[in-house]
Amino acid sequence: MIDIGVAEVLTCPFADEIKRDLIDWANGQQCLVVDGGAHKTKNYTRPETLGLKKLFSWIQGNLAEISVKLSQDTGSLYNLPDKNNVRNFRIDSYWLLNYPLNSWVEPHNHFPHAISFGYYINIPDKSAPLILDNHRIYVKEGQLITFMSHKMHWVPPATVNGRTLIAGDIAYLSRFLNEGYSLN
């Protein structure tokens, strides 16, 4: 795990193994053009392929550690030792993004989700960086970038064609879901 301050960066240990599956899935998707010209699929809630299942299982297995790292400098009570039983996060939804030449994504955030991510499938040389809280992050294929969902982020105009990633949001479920908590 690489700490760059505003995000946590992990390199998928089996990125080469799942790349073909993810590209095949991506090529079969219908996309809408969003403001800025990037292409985006609908939001999905369940993995569509074996490669996506393997990727999301790996992400899910790292979420407790990611949440601790992202929350370190926040002053949150979440960081107290007795909070170990509430590190309960789940991938809520995901979508594919592809950046044709000269396309970009406007500044935005993903509130009210807890954590957002991008997993980078294809990053041609000279691809535009991810701008997160005014920090430039030059991503690489096979990297997972995670950050707090309320952080503003965007992608400047693409100078090359084909920057492709799976983006998504992660929900915080707290201890109440595990304990069957009810207001009734």
Protein backbone atom coordinates (compact mmCIF):
# COMPACT_ATOMS: atom_id res chain seq x y z
CA MET A 1 0.00 0.00 0.00
CA ILE A 2 1.38 3.42 -0.97
CA ASP A 3 0.39 6.43 1.14
CA ILE A 4 0.21 9.64 -0.88
CA GLY A 5 -1.63 11.68 1.75
CA VAL A 6 -5.00 12.21 0.10
CA ALA A 7 -5.43 8.65 -1.14
CA GLU A 8 -4.27 5.10 -0.64
CA VAL A 9 -2.78 3.30 -3.62
CA LEU A 10 -2.62 -0.47 -3.88
CA THR A 11 -1.25 -2.49 -6.77
CA CYS A 12 -3.36 -5.51 -7.65
CA PRO A 13 -1.15 -8.63 -7.41
CA PHE A 14 -3.07 -10.37 -10.20
CA ALA A 15 -3.73 -7.40 -12.52
CA ASP A 16 -2.27 -9.15 -15.57
CA GLU A 17 -4.43 -12.22 -14.92
CA ILE A 18 -7.74 -10.29 -14.96
CA LYS A 19 -6.92 -7.58 -17.51
CA ARG A 20 -8.22 -9.45 -20.59
CA ASP A 21 -11.51 -10.30 -18.81
CA LEU A 22 -11.99 -6.66 -17.75
CA ILE A 23 -11.20 -5.33 -21.23
CA ASP A 24 -13.60 -7.82 -22.85
CA TRP A 25 -16.31 -6.77 -20.40
CA ALA A 26 -15.55 -3.08 -20.99
CA ASN A 27 -15.75 -3.48 -24.78
CA GLY A 28 -19.24 -4.96 -24.49
CA GLN A 29 -20.68 -2.08 -22.44
CA GLN A 30 -23.03 0.64 -23.61
CA CYS A 31 -21.88 4.05 -22.45
CA LEU A 32 -23.36 7.49 -22.10
CA VAL A 33 -21.29 10.61 -22.69
CA VAL A 34 -21.00 12.66 -19.49
CA ASP A 35 -20.15 16.36 -19.12
CA GLY A 36 -16.61 16.68 -20.41
CA GLY A 37 -16.99 13.90 -22.98
CA ALA A 38 -15.88 10.86 -20.98
CA HIS A 39 -17.86 7.67 -21.57
CA LYS A 40 -19.62 6.08 -18.58
CA THR A 41 -21.70 2.94 -18.16
CA LYS A 42 -24.70 2.62 -15.91
CA ASN A 43 -24.01 1.82 -12.27
CA TYR A 44 -23.73 -1.87 -11.42
CA THR A 45 -24.16 -3.47 -8.02
CA ARG A 46 -22.96 -7.03 -8.69
CA PRO A 47 -19.79 -8.20 -10.46
CA GLU A 48 -20.57 -9.17 -14.04
CA THR A 49 -17.53 -11.41 -14.77
CA LEU A 50 -15.09 -13.71 -12.99
CA GLY A 51 -12.38 -11.04 -13.28
CA LEU A 52 -14.63 -8.45 -11.62
CA LYS A 53 -15.53 -10.94 -8.87
CA LYS A 54 -11.85 -11.61 -8.18
CA LEU A 55 -11.03 -7.88 -8.23
CA PHE A 56 -13.88 -6.93 -5.89
CA SER A 57 -13.06 -9.77 -3.49
CA TRP A 58 -9.49 -8.42 -3.29
CA ILE A 59 -10.74 -4.85 -2.78
CA GLN A 60 -13.21 -6.03 -0.12
CA GLY A 61 -10.41 -7.87 1.69
CA ASN A 62 -8.39 -4.65 1.93
CA LEU A 63 -11.18 -2.26 3.01
CA ALA A 64 -10.59 -2.44 6.78
CA GLU A 65 -6.92 -1.51 6.35
CA ILE A 66 -7.74 1.15 3.73
CA SER A 67 -10.31 2.75 6.05
CA VAL A 68 -7.81 2.92 8.89
CA LYS A 69 -5.17 4.53 6.67
CA LEU A 70 -7.59 7.06 5.18
CA SER A 71 -8.91 8.07 8.60
CA GLN A 72 -5.53 8.44 10.38
CA ASP A 73 -5.28 12.23 10.29
CA THR A 74 -8.98 13.05 10.58
CA GLY A 75 -9.32 13.22 14.37
CA SER A 76 -12.17 10.75 14.09
CA LEU A 77 -13.25 8.59 17.03
CA TYR A 78 -13.29 5.79 14.44
CA ASN A 79 -9.55 5.43 15.12
CA LEU A 80 -9.95 4.39 18.77
CA PRO A 81 -8.81 0.79 19.49
CA ASP A 82 -12.30 -0.22 20.64
CA LYS A 83 -13.64 0.59 17.15
CA ASN A 84 -12.10 -2.49 15.54
CA ASN A 85 -15.50 -4.18 15.46
CA VAL A 86 -17.05 -1.44 13.30
CA ARG A 87 -14.72 -1.53 10.31
CA ASN A 88 -17.56 -2.76 8.14
CA PHE A 89 -17.47 -1.55 4.53
CA ARG A 90 -18.97 -2.95 1.31
CA ILE A 91 -18.71 -2.03 -2.34
CA ASP A 92 -22.04 -0.36 -3.10
CA SER A 93 -21.82 0.26 -6.86
CA TYR A 94 -19.36 0.52 -9.72
CA TRP A 95 -19.19 1.71 -13.31
CA LEU A 96 -16.78 1.84 -16.23
CA LEU A 97 -15.19 5.09 -17.41
CA ASN A 98 -13.34 5.52 -20.69
CA TYR A 99 -11.65 8.71 -21.83
CA PRO A 100 -11.51 9.37 -25.57
CA LEU A 101 -9.02 12.00 -26.79
CA ASN A 102 -9.80 15.50 -25.39
CA SER A 103 -12.44 14.22 -22.94
CA TRP A 104 -12.45 14.98 -19.22
CA VAL A 105 -14.60 14.79 -16.11
CA GLU A 106 -15.74 17.88 -14.23
CA PRO A 107 -14.88 18.39 -10.53
CA HIS A 108 -17.23 16.38 -8.32
CA ASN A 109 -17.39 14.20 -5.22
CA HIS A 110 -19.28 11.08 -4.18
CA PHE A 111 -20.85 12.14 -0.88
CA PRO A 112 -22.67 10.52 0.97
CA HIS A 113 -20.56 7.41 0.36
CA ALA A 114 -17.62 6.76 2.69
CA ILE A 115 -14.86 5.73 0.28
CA SER A 116 -14.57 5.90 -3.49
CA PHE A 117 -12.17 4.05 -5.76
CA GLY A 118 -10.74 3.77 -9.23
CA TYR A 119 -9.15 0.60 -10.57
CA TYR A 120 -7.10 1.34 -13.66
CA ILE A 121 -7.40 -1.19 -16.49
CA ASN A 122 -5.70 0.69 -19.33
CA ILE A 123 -3.42 3.71 -18.94
CA PRO A 124 -1.69 4.70 -22.18
CA ASP A 125 1.54 6.73 -21.94
CA LYS A 126 0.86 10.43 -21.28
CA SER A 127 -2.63 9.75 -19.86
CA ALA A 128 -4.20 12.56 -17.87
CA PRO A 129 -3.77 12.29 -14.10
CA LEU A 130 -6.47 12.07 -11.47
CA ILE A 131 -6.70 15.40 -9.64
CA LEU A 132 -7.72 14.76 -6.04
CA ASP A 133 -7.89 17.66 -3.59
CA ASN A 134 -5.61 19.59 -5.99
CA HIS A 135 -2.99 16.79 -5.94
CA ARG A 136 -2.03 15.20 -9.25
CA ILE A 137 -1.98 11.42 -9.12
CA TYR A 138 -0.38 9.75 -12.12
CA VAL A 139 -2.00 6.35 -12.11
CA LYS A 140 -0.67 3.10 -13.53
CA GLU A 141 -2.38 0.03 -14.89
CA GLY A 142 -3.33 -2.40 -12.15
CA GLN A 143 -3.49 0.26 -9.45
CA LEU A 144 -6.39 0.79 -7.10
CA ILE A 145 -6.75 4.38 -5.88
CA THR A 146 -9.01 4.82 -2.83
CA PHE A 147 -10.02 8.08 -1.20
CA MET A 148 -12.66 9.59 1.05
CA SER A 149 -15.78 10.14 -1.04
CA HIS A 150 -16.31 13.75 0.01
CA LYS A 151 -13.00 14.79 -1.62
CA MET A 152 -13.33 16.82 -4.82
CA HIS A 153 -11.71 15.16 -7.81
CA TRP A 154 -11.64 15.41 -11.58
CA VAL A 155 -9.68 14.44 -14.67
CA PRO A 156 -8.26 17.10 -17.03
CA PRO A 157 -8.63 16.74 -20.82
CA ALA A 158 -7.16 13.53 -22.18
CA THR A 159 -4.12 13.98 -24.41
CA VAL A 160 -4.31 10.34 -25.53
CA ASN A 161 -7.14 7.94 -26.24
CA GLY A 162 -8.13 4.94 -24.10
CA ARG A 163 -7.63 5.74 -20.39
CA THR A 164 -10.01 3.14 -18.90
CA LEU A 165 -10.98 2.38 -15.34
CA ILE A 166 -13.60 0.89 -13.11
CA ALA A 167 -14.77 3.46 -10.58
CA GLY A 168 -17.00 2.84 -7.62
CA ASP A 169 -18.31 3.75 -4.22
CA ILE A 170 -18.02 1.98 -0.90
CA ALA A 171 -20.61 2.24 1.87
CA TYR A 172 -19.94 2.24 5.60
CA LEU A 173 -22.30 -0.23 7.27
CA SER A 174 -21.28 0.20 10.95
CA ARG A 175 -21.88 -2.36 13.67
CA PHE A 176 -25.67 -1.99 13.54
CA LEU A 177 -26.06 -4.09 10.41
CA ASN A 178 -24.15 -6.95 12.03
CA GLU A 179 -26.13 -6.74 15.27
CA GLY A 180 -29.55 -6.62 13.66
CA TYR A 181 -30.15 -3.15 15.10
CA SER A 182 -33.68 -1.89 14.63
CA LEU A 183 -35.52 1.29 15.60
CA ASN A 184 -38.77 -0.67 15.95
